[in-house]
PDB file of N, CA and C in Angstrom:
ATOM      1  N   MET A   1       0.937  -1.073   0.119  1.00  0.00           N
ATOM      2  CA  MET A   1       0.224   0.336  -0.179  1.00  0.00           C
ATOM      3  C   MET A   1       0.811   1.519   0.312  1.00  0.00           C
ATOM      4  N   ALA A   2       0.606   2.543  -0.843  1.00  0.00           N
ATOM      5  CA  ALA A   2       1.046   3.125  -1.146  1.00  0.00           C
ATOM      6  C   ALA A   2       0.929   4.049   0.399  1.00  0.00           C
ATOM      7  N   LEU A   3       1.946   4.673   0.737  1.00  0.00           N
ATOM      8  CA  LEU A   3       2.413   5.784   1.678  1.00  0.00           C
ATOM      9  C   LEU A   3       1.485   7.559   1.459  1.00  0.00           C
ATOM     10  N   VAL A   4       1.644   7.177   0.181  1.00  0.00           N
ATOM     11  CA  VAL A   4       1.264   9.190  -0.158  1.00  0.00           C
ATOM     12  C   VAL A   4       0.661   8.470  -1.940  1.00  0.00           C
ATOM     13  N   SER A   5      -0.598   8.587  -1.277  1.00  0.00           N
ATOM     14  CA  SER A   5      -1.723   8.761  -2.615  1.00  0.00           C
ATOM     15  C   SER A   5      -1.248   9.795  -4.070  1.00  0.00           C
ATOM     16  N   LEU A   6      -1.657   9.163  -5.169  1.00  0.00           N
ATOM     17  CA  LEU A   6      -1.407   9.845  -6.346  1.00  0.00           C
ATOM     18  C   LEU A   6      -2.077  11.327  -6.475  1.00  0.00           C
ATOM     19  N   ASP A   7      -3.376  11.243  -5.898  1.00  0.00           N
ATOM     20  CA  ASP A   7      -4.038  12.639  -5.864  1.00  0.00           C
ATOM     21  C   ASP A   7      -3.057  13.486  -4.641  1.00  0.00           C
ATOM     22  N   ARG A   8      -2.902  12.899  -3.877  1.00  0.00           N
ATOM     23  CA  ARG A   8      -1.774  13.705  -2.682  1.00  0.00           C
ATOM     24  C   ARG A   8      -0.331  14.494  -3.411  1.00  0.00           C
ATOM     25  N   ALA A   9       0.023  13.204  -4.352  1.00  0.00           N
ATOM     26  CA  ALA A   9       1.558  13.620  -5.013  1.00  0.00           C
ATOM     27  C   ALA A   9       0.784  14.436  -5.906  1.00  0.00           C
ATOM     28  N   LYS A  10      -0.238  14.633  -7.027  1.00  0.00           N
ATOM     29  CA  LYS A  10      -0.208  15.626  -7.584  1.00  0.00           C
ATOM     30  C   LYS A  10      -0.779  16.949  -7.286  1.00  0.00           C
ATOM     31  N   ASP A  11      -1.685  16.492  -5.779  1.00  0.00           N
ATOM     32  CA  ASP A  11      -1.523  17.858  -5.413  1.00  0.00           C
ATOM     33  C   ASP A  11      -0.425  18.916  -4.734  1.00  0.00           C
ATOM     34  N   HIS A  12       0.646  18.397  -4.305  1.00  0.00           N
ATOM     35  CA  HIS A  12       1.915  18.775  -3.748  1.00  0.00           C
ATOM     36  C   HIS A  12       2.189  19.317  -4.936  1.00  0.00           C
ATOM     37  N   LEU A  13       2.290  18.959  -5.913  1.00  0.00           N
ATOM     38  CA  LEU A  13       3.219  19.298  -7.511  1.00  0.00           C
ATOM     39  C   LEU A  13       2.656  20.158  -8.115  1.00  0.00           C
ATOM     40  N   ARG A  14       1.205  20.696  -7.660  1.00  0.00           N
ATOM     41  CA  ARG A  14       0.713  21.282  -8.294  1.00  0.00           C
ATOM     42  C   ARG A  14       0.421  20.913  -9.971  1.00  0.00           C
ATOM     43  N   VAL A  15      -0.036  19.743 -10.130  1.00  0.00           N
ATOM     44  CA  VAL A  15      -0.691  18.924 -11.401  1.00  0.00           C
ATOM     45  C   VAL A  15      -1.729  19.117 -11.174  1.00  0.00           C
ATOM     46  N   LEU A  16      -2.687  19.573 -12.657  1.00  0.00           N
ATOM     47  CA  LEU A  16      -4.317  19.377 -12.055  1.00  0.00           C
ATOM     48  C   LEU A  16      -4.224  18.231 -13.480  1.00  0.00           C
ATOM     49  N   HIS A  17      -3.724  17.782 -14.355  1.00  0.00           N
ATOM     50  CA  HIS A  17      -3.605  16.817 -15.928  1.00  0.00           C
ATOM     51  C   HIS A  17      -3.834  15.471 -15.285  1.00  0.00           C
ATOM     52  N   SER A  18      -3.825  14.849 -16.080  1.00  0.00           N
ATOM     53  CA  SER A  18      -3.202  12.738 -15.817  1.00  0.00           C
ATOM     54  C   SER A  18      -2.007  12.864 -16.575  1.00  0.00           C
ATOM     55  N   ASP A  19      -1.983  13.370 -17.376  1.00  0.00           N
ATOM     56  CA  ASP A  19      -0.576  13.426 -18.672  1.00  0.00           C
ATOM     57  C   ASP A  19       0.607  12.868 -18.124  1.00  0.00           C
ATOM     58  N   ASP A  20       0.624  13.201 -17.148  1.00  0.00           N
ATOM     59  CA  ASP A  20       2.368  12.538 -15.855  1.00  0.00           C
ATOM     60  C   ASP A  20       1.316  11.648 -15.004  1.00  0.00           C
ATOM     61  N   ASP A  21       0.514  11.423 -15.169  1.00  0.00           N
ATOM     62  CA  ASP A  21      -0.139  10.052 -13.971  1.00  0.00           C
ATOM     63  C   ASP A  21       1.072   8.996 -13.755  1.00  0.00           C
ATOM     64  N   VAL A  22       1.520   8.601 -14.836  1.00  0.00           N
ATOM     65  CA  VAL A  22       2.524   7.497 -14.702  1.00  0.00           C
ATOM     66  C   VAL A  22       3.866   7.680 -14.438  1.00  0.00           C
ATOM     67  N   GLN A  23       4.130   9.105 -14.928  1.00  0.00           N
ATOM     68  CA  GLN A  23       5.345   8.880 -14.182  1.00  0.00           C
ATOM     69  C   GLN A  23       5.237   9.655 -12.671  1.00  0.00           C
ATOM     70  N   ILE A  24       4.624   9.903 -12.525  1.00  0.00           N
ATOM     71  CA  ILE A  24       4.303  10.562 -10.800  1.00  0.00           C
ATOM     72  C   ILE A  24       4.374   9.577 -10.403  1.00  0.00           C
ATOM     73  N   GLU A  25       3.499   8.763 -10.517  1.00  0.00           N
ATOM     74  CA  GLU A  25       3.458   7.131  -9.899  1.00  0.00           C
ATOM     75  C   GLU A  25       4.312   6.566  -9.381  1.00  0.00           C
ATOM     76  N   LEU A  26       6.008   6.607 -10.601  1.00  0.00           N
ATOM     77  CA  LEU A  26       7.193   5.975 -10.739  1.00  0.00           C
ATOM     78  C   LEU A  26       8.139   6.859  -9.499  1.00  0.00           C
ATOM     79  N   TYR A  27       7.681   8.250  -9.827  1.00  0.00           N
ATOM     80  CA  TYR A  27       8.926   8.918  -8.885  1.00  0.00           C
ATOM     81  C   TYR A  27       8.147   8.844  -6.981  1.00  0.00           C
ATOM     82  N   ARG A  28       6.778   9.096  -6.889  1.00  0.00           N
ATOM     83  CA  ARG A  28       5.877   8.391  -5.747  1.00  0.00           C
ATOM     84  C   ARG A  28       6.715   7.516  -5.050  1.00  0.00           C
ATOM     85  N   ALA A  29       6.655   6.151  -6.224  1.00  0.00           N
ATOM     86  CA  ALA A  29       6.906   5.043  -5.367  1.00  0.00           C
ATOM     87  C   ALA A  29       9.405   4.969  -5.116  1.00  0.00           C
ATOM     88  N   ALA A  30       9.503   5.879  -6.154  1.00  0.00           N
ATOM     89  CA  ALA A  30      10.791   5.833  -5.309  1.00  0.00           C
ATOM     90  C   ALA A  30      11.298   6.907  -4.258  1.00  0.00           C
ATOM     91  N   ALA A  31      10.621   7.890  -4.573  1.00  0.00           N
ATOM     92  CA  ALA A  31      10.822   8.774  -3.059  1.00  0.00           C
ATOM     93  C   ALA A  31      10.092   8.146  -1.821  1.00  0.00           C
ATOM     94  N   GLU A  32       9.114   6.943  -1.862  1.00  0.00           N
ATOM     95  CA  GLU A  32       8.650   6.358  -0.792  1.00  0.00           C
ATOM     96  C   GLU A  32       9.911   5.171  -0.433  1.00  0.00           C
ATOM     97  N   ALA A  33      10.507   4.418  -1.086  1.00  0.00           N
ATOM     98  CA  ALA A  33      11.805   3.675  -1.233  1.00  0.00           C
ATOM     99  C   ALA A  33      13.336   4.457  -1.196  1.00  0.00           C
ATOM    100  N   ILE A  34      13.162   5.644  -1.321  1.00  0.00           N
ATOM    101  CA  ILE A  34      14.373   6.332  -0.959  1.00  0.00           C
ATOM    102  C   ILE A  34      14.117   6.615   0.655  1.00  0.00           C
ATOM    103  N   VAL A  35      12.933   7.141   1.308  1.00  0.00           N
ATOM    104  CA  VAL A  35      12.893   7.647   2.927  1.00  0.00           C
ATOM    105  C   VAL A  35      12.472   6.371   3.544  1.00  0.00           C
ATOM    106  N   VAL A  36      12.107   5.540   3.166  1.00  0.00           N
ATOM    107  CA  VAL A  36      11.723   4.539   4.053  1.00  0.00           C
ATOM    108  C   VAL A  36      13.322   3.512   4.216  1.00  0.00           C
ATOM    109  N   GLU A  37      14.239   3.402   2.881  1.00  0.00           N
ATOM    110  CA  GLU A  37      15.480   3.291   3.238  1.00  0.00           C
ATOM    111  C   GLU A  37      16.087   3.989   4.090  1.00  0.00           C
ATOM    112  N   TYR A  38      16.056   5.161   3.834  1.00  0.00           N
ATOM    113  CA  TYR A  38      17.205   5.896   4.866  1.00  0.00           C
ATOM    114  C   TYR A  38      16.840   5.723   6.334  1.00  0.00           C
ATOM    115  N   LEU A  39      15.078   5.660   6.151  1.00  0.00           N
ATOM    116  CA  LEU A  39      15.022   5.588   7.512  1.00  0.00           C
ATOM    117  C   LEU A  39      15.257   3.969   8.300  1.00  0.00           C
ATOM    118  N   ASP A  40      15.430   3.163   7.575  1.00  0.00           N
ATOM    119  CA  ASP A  40      16.250   1.898   7.898  1.00  0.00           C
ATOM    120  C   ASP A  40      14.871   1.091   8.616  1.00  0.00           C
ATOM    121  N   ARG A  41      13.718   1.154   8.637  1.00  0.00           N
ATOM    122  CA  ARG A  41      12.836   0.081   9.175  1.00  0.00           C
ATOM    123  C   ARG A  41      11.597   0.215   8.522  1.00  0.00           C
ATOM    124  N   GLN A  42      10.423  -0.300   8.955  1.00  0.00           N
ATOM    125  CA  GLN A  42       9.469  -0.821   8.016  1.00  0.00           C
ATOM    126  C   GLN A  42       8.596   0.570   8.680  1.00  0.00           C
ATOM    127  N   VAL A  43       7.633   1.024   7.178  1.00  0.00           N
ATOM    128  CA  VAL A  43       6.619   2.072   7.546  1.00  0.00           C
ATOM    129  C   VAL A  43       5.222   2.041   7.328  1.00  0.00           C
ATOM    130  N   VAL A  44       4.045   1.825   7.739  1.00  0.00           N
ATOM    131  CA  VAL A  44       2.895   1.843   7.193  1.00  0.00           C
ATOM    132  C   VAL A  44       2.203   2.804   6.719  1.00  0.00           C
ATOM    133  N   GLY A  45       1.160   2.479   6.434  1.00  0.00           N
ATOM    134  CA  GLY A  45       0.184   3.401   6.228  1.00  0.00           C
ATOM    135  C   GLY A  45      -0.966   3.214   7.365  1.00  0.00           C
ATOM    136  N   GLU A  46      -2.077   4.239   7.330  1.00  0.00           N
ATOM    137  CA  GLU A  46      -2.812   4.286   8.288  1.00  0.00           C
ATOM    138  C   GLU A  46      -3.846   2.886   8.301  1.00  0.00           C
ATOM    139  N   GLY A  47      -4.485   2.377   9.209  1.00  0.00           N
ATOM    140  CA  GLY A  47      -5.269   1.091   9.211  1.00  0.00           C
ATOM    141  C   GLY A  47      -4.206  -0.741   8.963  1.00  0.00           C
ATOM    142  N   GLU A  48      -2.862  -0.184   8.615  1.00  0.00           N
ATOM    143  CA  GLU A  48      -2.358  -1.267   8.914  1.00  0.00           C
ATOM    144  C   GLU A  48      -1.149  -1.286  10.637  1.00  0.00           C
ATOM    145  N   VAL A  49      -0.467  -2.916  10.616  1.00  0.00           N
ATOM    146  CA  VAL A  49      -0.019  -2.673  12.264  1.00  0.00           C
ATOM    147  C   VAL A  49       1.752  -2.913  11.814  1.00  0.00           C
ATOM    148  N   PRO A  50       2.137  -1.882  12.283  1.00  0.00           N
ATOM    149  CA  PRO A  50       3.727  -2.409  12.169  1.00  0.00           C
ATOM    150  C   PRO A  50       4.411  -3.470  12.673  1.00  0.00           C
ATOM    151  N   ILE A  51       4.879  -4.166  12.395  1.00  0.00           N
ATOM    152  CA  ILE A  51       5.698  -5.348  13.194  1.00  0.00           C
ATOM    153  C   ILE A  51       7.096  -4.829  13.581  1.00  0.00           C
ATOM    154  N   ASP A  52       7.653  -5.396  14.574  1.00  0.00           N
ATOM    155  CA  ASP A  52       8.873  -5.317  15.116  1.00  0.00           C
ATOM    156  C   ASP A  52       9.528  -3.841  15.678  1.00  0.00           C
ATOM    157  N   ASP A  53      10.304  -3.251  14.729  1.00  0.00           N
ATOM    158  CA  ASP A  53      10.450  -1.581  14.668  1.00  0.00           C
ATOM    159  C   ASP A  53       9.808  -0.593  13.939  1.00  0.00           C
ATOM    160  N   GLY A  54       8.851  -1.495  13.366  1.00  0.00           N
ATOM    161  CA  GLY A  54       8.259  -0.678  11.939  1.00  0.00           C
ATOM    162  C   GLY A  54       7.313   0.506  12.920  1.00  0.00           C
ATOM    163  N   ILE A  55       6.978   1.309  12.165  1.00  0.00           N
ATOM    164  CA  ILE A  55       6.212   2.728  12.769  1.00  0.00           C
ATOM    165  C   ILE A  55       5.254   3.034  11.423  1.00  0.00           C
ATOM    166  N   LEU A  56       4.079   3.088  12.131  1.00  0.00           N
ATOM    167  CA  LEU A  56       3.207   4.032  11.501  1.00  0.00           C
ATOM    168  C   LEU A  56       3.797   5.334  10.817  1.00  0.00           C
ATOM    169  N   VAL A  57       3.148   5.525   9.749  1.00  0.00           N
ATOM    170  CA  VAL A  57       3.476   6.342   8.953  1.00  0.00           C
ATOM    171  C   VAL A  57       3.423   8.068   9.480  1.00  0.00           C
ATOM    172  N   SER A  58       3.629   8.847   9.633  1.00  0.00           N
ATOM    173  CA  SER A  58       3.576  10.522  10.346  1.00  0.00           C
ATOM    174  C   SER A  58       3.589  11.374   9.186  1.00  0.00           C
ATOM    175  N   PRO A  59       3.138  12.463  10.146  1.00  0.00           N
ATOM    176  CA  PRO A  59       2.825  13.757   8.711  1.00  0.00           C
ATOM    177  C   PRO A  59       4.366  14.418   8.622  1.00  0.00           C
ATOM    178  N   ALA A  60       5.462  13.879   9.061  1.00  0.00           N
ATOM    179  CA  ALA A  60       6.589  14.479   9.137  1.00  0.00           C
ATOM    180  C   ALA A  60       7.275  13.202   7.592  1.00  0.00           C
ATOM    181  N   ILE A  61       7.106  12.495   7.871  1.00  0.00           N
ATOM    182  CA  ILE A  61       7.120  11.585   6.774  1.00  0.00           C
ATOM    183  C   ILE A  61       6.869  11.378   5.881  1.00  0.00           C
ATOM    184  N   ILE A  62       5.678  11.969   5.484  1.00  0.00           N
ATOM    185  CA  ILE A  62       5.022  12.373   4.382  1.00  0.00           C
ATOM    186  C   ILE A  62       5.352  13.495   3.672  1.00  0.00           C
ATOM    187  N   ALA A  63       5.705  14.149   4.584  1.00  0.00           N
ATOM    188  CA  ALA A  63       6.497  16.106   4.334  1.00  0.00           C
ATOM    189  C   ALA A  63       7.498  15.342   3.172  1.00  0.00           C
ATOM    190  N   ALA A  64       8.152  14.665   4.208  1.00  0.00           N
ATOM    191  CA  ALA A  64       9.394  13.583   3.380  1.00  0.00           C
ATOM    192  C   ALA A  64       9.533  13.086   2.176  1.00  0.00           C
ATOM    193  N   ILE A  65       8.596  12.687   2.252  1.00  0.00           N
ATOM    194  CA  ILE A  65       8.242  11.384   0.754  1.00  0.00           C
ATOM    195  C   ILE A  65       7.930  12.907   0.136  1.00  0.00           C
ATOM    196  N   LEU A  66       7.379  13.640   0.081  1.00  0.00           N
ATOM    197  CA  LEU A  66       6.696  14.489  -0.981  1.00  0.00           C
ATOM    198  C   LEU A  66       7.740  15.609  -1.722  1.00  0.00           C
ATOM    199  N   LEU A  67       8.352  16.077  -0.475  1.00  0.00           N
ATOM    200  CA  LEU A  67       9.923  16.766  -0.823  1.00  0.00           C
ATOM    201  C   LEU A  67      10.947  16.185  -1.857  1.00  0.00           C
ATOM    202  N   VAL A  68      10.976  15.055  -1.345  1.00  0.00           N
ATOM    203  CA  VAL A  68      11.858  14.087  -2.678  1.00  0.00           C
ATOM    204  C   VAL A  68      11.101  13.761  -3.704  1.00  0.00           C
ATOM    205  N   LEU A  69      10.092  13.410  -3.976  1.00  0.00           N
ATOM    206  CA  LEU A  69       8.788  13.541  -4.940  1.00  0.00           C
ATOM    207  C   LEU A  69       9.016  14.562  -5.709  1.00  0.00           C
ATOM    208  N   SER A  70       9.052  16.021  -5.334  1.00  0.00           N
ATOM    209  CA  SER A  70       8.979  16.917  -5.686  1.00  0.00           C
ATOM    210  C   SER A  70      10.444  17.683  -6.732  1.00  0.00           C
ATOM    211  N   ASP A  71      11.168  16.408  -5.890  1.00  0.00           N
ATOM    212  CA  ASP A  71      12.698  16.763  -6.447  1.00  0.00           C
ATOM    213  C   ASP A  71      12.904  15.801  -7.400  1.00  0.00           C
ATOM    214  N   LEU A  72      12.605  14.802  -7.160  1.00  0.00           N
ATOM    215  CA  LEU A  72      12.546  13.524  -8.981  1.00  0.00           C
ATOM    216  C   LEU A  72      11.838  14.426  -9.890  1.00  0.00           C
ATOM    217  N   TYR A  73      10.583  14.927  -9.596  1.00  0.00           N
ATOM    218  CA  TYR A  73       9.685  15.488 -10.468  1.00  0.00           C
ATOM    219  C   TYR A  73      10.204  16.180 -11.307  1.00  0.00           C
ATOM    220  N   GLU A  74      10.498  17.752 -10.520  1.00  0.00           N
ATOM    221  CA  GLU A  74      11.019  18.940 -10.865  1.00  0.00           C
ATOM    222  C   GLU A  74      12.735  18.403 -11.892  1.00  0.00           C
ATOM    223  N   PHE A  75      13.532  17.746 -11.356  1.00  0.00           N
ATOM    224  CA  PHE A  75      14.746  17.740 -11.498  1.00  0.00           C
ATOM    225  C   PHE A  75      14.851  16.413 -12.238  1.00  0.00           C
ATOM    226  N   ARG A  76      14.500  16.094 -13.510  1.00  0.00           N
ATOM    227  CA  ARG A  76      14.461  14.902 -14.229  1.00  0.00           C
ATOM    228  C   ARG A  76      15.494  14.462 -14.963  1.00  0.00           C
ATOM    229  N   GLU A  77      16.567  15.538 -14.776  1.00  0.00           N
ATOM    230  CA  GLU A  77      17.509  14.953 -15.494  1.00  0.00           C
ATOM    231  C   GLU A  77      18.813  15.473 -14.269  1.00  0.00           C
ATOM    232  N   SER A  78      19.413  14.580 -14.270  1.00  0.00           N
ATOM    233  CA  SER A  78      20.799  14.700 -13.565  1.00  0.00           C
ATOM    234  C   SER A  78      21.754  15.827 -13.996  1.00  0.00           C
ATOM    235  N   ASP A  79      22.019  16.588 -12.754  1.00  0.00           N
ATOM    236  CA  ASP A  79      23.238  17.195 -12.764  1.00  0.00           C
ATOM    237  C   ASP A  79      24.951  16.858 -13.257  1.00  0.00           C
ATOM    238  N   PRO A  80      24.962  17.321 -13.848  1.00  0.00           N
ATOM    239  CA  PRO A  80      26.879  16.652 -14.794  1.00  0.00           C
ATOM    240  C   PRO A  80      27.569  17.362 -13.421  1.00  0.00           C
ATOM    241  N   LYS A  81      27.628  18.412 -12.727  1.00  0.00           N
ATOM    242  CA  LYS A  81      28.288  18.718 -11.663  1.00  0.00           C
ATOM    243  C   LYS A  81      28.061  17.972 -10.296  1.00  0.00           C
ATOM    244  N   ASP A  82      27.391  17.259 -10.048  1.00  0.00           N
ATOM    245  CA  ASP A  82      27.036  16.191  -8.515  1.00  0.00           C
ATOM    246  C   ASP A  82      27.832  15.414  -9.003  1.00  0.00           C
ATOM    247  N   VAL A  83      28.652  15.383  -8.227  1.00  0.00           N
ATOM    248  CA  VAL A  83      29.902  14.233  -7.538  1.00  0.00           C
ATOM    249  C   VAL A  83      29.277  13.582  -6.110  1.00  0.00           C
ATOM    250  N   GLY A  84      29.897  12.202  -6.478  1.00  0.00           N
ATOM    251  CA  GLY A  84      30.405  11.873  -4.933  1.00  0.00           C
ATOM    252  C   GLY A  84      28.555  11.127  -4.653  1.00  0.00           C
ATOM    253  N   ASP A  85      28.564  10.760  -3.371  1.00  0.00           N
ATOM    254  CA  ASP A  85      27.530  10.180  -2.792  1.00  0.00           C
ATOM    255  C   ASP A  85      26.085  11.241  -2.773  1.00  0.00           C
ATOM    256  N   ALA A  86      25.259  10.730  -2.938  1.00  0.00           N
ATOM    257  CA  ALA A  86      24.232  11.241  -3.081  1.00  0.00           C
ATOM    258  C   ALA A  86      23.141  11.720  -1.540  1.00  0.00           C
ATOM    259  N   VAL A  87      23.192  12.634  -1.275  1.00  0.00           N
ATOM    260  CA  VAL A  87      22.748  13.274   0.428  1.00  0.00           C
ATOM    261  C   VAL A  87      21.223  13.748   0.170  1.00  0.00           C
ATOM    262  N   LEU A  88      20.412  13.218   0.944  1.00  0.00           N
ATOM    263  CA  LEU A  88      19.156  13.664   1.111  1.00  0.00           C
ATOM    264  C   LEU A  88      19.107  15.691   1.539  1.00  0.00           C
ATOM    265  N   PRO A  89      18.173  16.281   0.865  1.00  0.00           N
ATOM    266  CA  PRO A  89      17.993  17.448   1.050  1.00  0.00           C
ATOM    267  C   PRO A  89      18.424  17.558   3.010  1.00  0.00           C
ATOM    268  N   ARG A  90      18.696  18.577   3.055  1.00  0.00           N
ATOM    269  CA  ARG A  90      18.651  19.022   4.336  1.00  0.00           C
ATOM    270  C   ARG A  90      17.296  18.970   5.014  1.00  0.00           C
ATOM    271  N   ALA A  91      16.368  19.428   4.341  1.00  0.00           N
ATOM    272  CA  ALA A  91      14.686  19.357   5.117  1.00  0.00           C
ATOM    273  C   ALA A  91      14.137  17.903   5.346  1.00  0.00           C
ATOM    274  N   VAL A  92      14.726  17.406   4.509  1.00  0.00           N
ATOM    275  CA  VAL A  92      14.248  15.989   4.610  1.00  0.00           C
ATOM    276  C   VAL A  92      14.867  15.160   5.579  1.00  0.00           C
ATOM    277  N   ARG A  93      15.987  15.251   5.807  1.00  0.00           N
ATOM    278  CA  ARG A  93      17.252  14.542   6.931  1.00  0.00           C
ATOM    279  C   ARG A  93      16.367  15.097   8.323  1.00  0.00           C
ATOM    280  N   ALA A  94      16.197  16.334   8.391  1.00  0.00           N
ATOM    281  CA  ALA A  94      15.699  16.687   9.642  1.00  0.00           C
ATOM    282  C   ALA A  94      14.089  16.037   9.948  1.00  0.00           C
ATOM    283  N   LEU A  95      13.469  16.321   8.726  1.00  0.00           N
ATOM    284  CA  LEU A  95      11.962  15.660   9.173  1.00  0.00           C
ATOM    285  C   LEU A  95      11.947  14.202   9.577  1.00  0.00           C
ATOM    286  N   LEU A  96      13.226  13.458   8.935  1.00  0.00           N
ATOM    287  CA  LEU A  96      13.032  12.034   9.123  1.00  0.00           C
ATOM    288  C   LEU A  96      13.863  11.625  10.475  1.00  0.00           C
ATOM    289  N   ALA A  97      15.104  12.500  10.574  1.00  0.00           N
ATOM    290  CA  ALA A  97      15.796  12.370  12.182  1.00  0.00           C
ATOM    291  C   ALA A  97      15.465  11.718  12.888  1.00  0.00           C
ATOM    292  N   PRO A  98      13.605  12.216  14.099  1.00  0.00           N
ATOM    293  CA  PRO A  98      13.250  11.628  14.520  1.00  0.00           C
ATOM    294  C   PRO A  98      13.042   9.778  14.609  1.00  0.00           C
ATOM    295  N   TYR A  99      12.983   9.391  13.439  1.00  0.00           N
ATOM    296  CA  TYR A  99      12.124   8.382  12.847  1.00  0.00           C
ATOM    297  C   TYR A  99      13.049   7.609  12.586  1.00  0.00           C
ATOM    298  N   ARG A 100      14.267   7.949  12.154  1.00  0.00           N
ATOM    299  CA  ARG A 100      15.498   6.998  11.814  1.00  0.00           C
ATOM    300  C   ARG A 100      16.011   6.115  12.974  1.00  0.00           C
ATOM    301  N   VAL A 101      16.607   4.645  12.421  1.00  0.00           N
ATOM    302  CA  VAL A 101      17.383   4.200  13.253  1.00  0.00           C
ATOM    303  C   VAL A 101      18.907   4.059  13.008  1.00  0.00           C
ATOM    304  N   TRP A 102      19.556   4.681  13.908  1.00  0.00           N
ATOM    305  CA  TRP A 102      20.537   4.451  13.947  1.00  0.00           C
ATOM    306  C   TRP A 102      21.185   3.412  14.231  1.00  0.00           C
ATOM    307  N   ARG A 103      22.095   2.710  13.939  1.00  0.00           N
ATOM    308  CA  ARG A 103      22.726   1.354  14.051  1.00  0.00           C
ATOM    309  C   ARG A 103      23.756   1.727  13.806  1.00  0.00           C
ATOM    310  N   THR A 104      25.063   0.221  14.798  1.00  0.00           N
ATOM    311  CA  THR A 104      26.023   0.748  15.407  1.00  0.00           C
ATOM    312  C   THR A 104      26.814  -0.560  14.588  1.00  0.00           C
ATOM    313  N   VAL A 105      28.075  -0.512  14.273  1.00  0.00           N
ATOM    314  CA  VAL A 105      28.696  -1.966  13.499  1.00  0.00           C
ATOM    315  C   VAL A 105      28.246  -3.477  14.635  1.00  0.00           C
ATOM    316  N   ASP A 106      28.045  -3.387  15.464  1.00  0.00           N
ATOM    317  CA  ASP A 106      27.936  -4.111  16.765  1.00  0.00           C
ATOM    318  C   ASP A 106      26.276  -4.398  16.532  1.00  0.00           C
ATOM    319  N   ASP A 107      25.252  -4.010  15.985  1.00  0.00           N
ATOM    320  CA  ASP A 107      24.099  -3.816  15.779  1.00  0.00           C
ATOM    321  C   ASP A 107      23.927  -5.122  14.122  1.00  0.00           C
ATOM    322  N   ASP A 108      24.912  -4.730  13.744  1.00  0.00           N
ATOM    323  CA  ASP A 108      25.071  -6.002  12.542  1.00  0.00           C
ATOM    324  C   ASP A 108      25.375  -7.043  12.807  1.00  0.00           C
ATOM    325  N   VAL A 109      26.285  -7.481  13.899  1.00  0.00           N
ATOM    326  CA  VAL A 109      26.272  -8.703  13.997  1.00  0.00           C
ATOM    327  C   VAL A 109      25.812  -9.787  15.062  1.00  0.00           C
ATOM    328  N   ASP A 110      25.437 -10.806  14.150  1.00  0.00           N
ATOM    329  CA  ASP A 110      24.552 -12.213  14.656  1.00  0.00           C
ATOM    330  C   ASP A 110      25.117 -12.804  15.764  1.00  0.00           C
TER     331      ASP A 110
END
């Protein structure tokens, strides 16, 4: 189940037509994957039950997904000046910091 609906994504992007729906769905799914990967935990939508260290989607997580989505939608071409590791924008990291699982090397050892 999507954490952000297509309608909410289009509203955030201020897109009134359906011409870009397939592209927006692709970017929405990618934005959700980026955010969940960054959090390093399961995120579930309303009405779902998180397991283990999973969490219920919050307004901050939704806002972060929408910010990543808008970045993907608006900047479809990569900037040739971008080099090095990809870093999420500061606003996105600030929204997600309280929910992120911070693991240590010892956490990975079983």
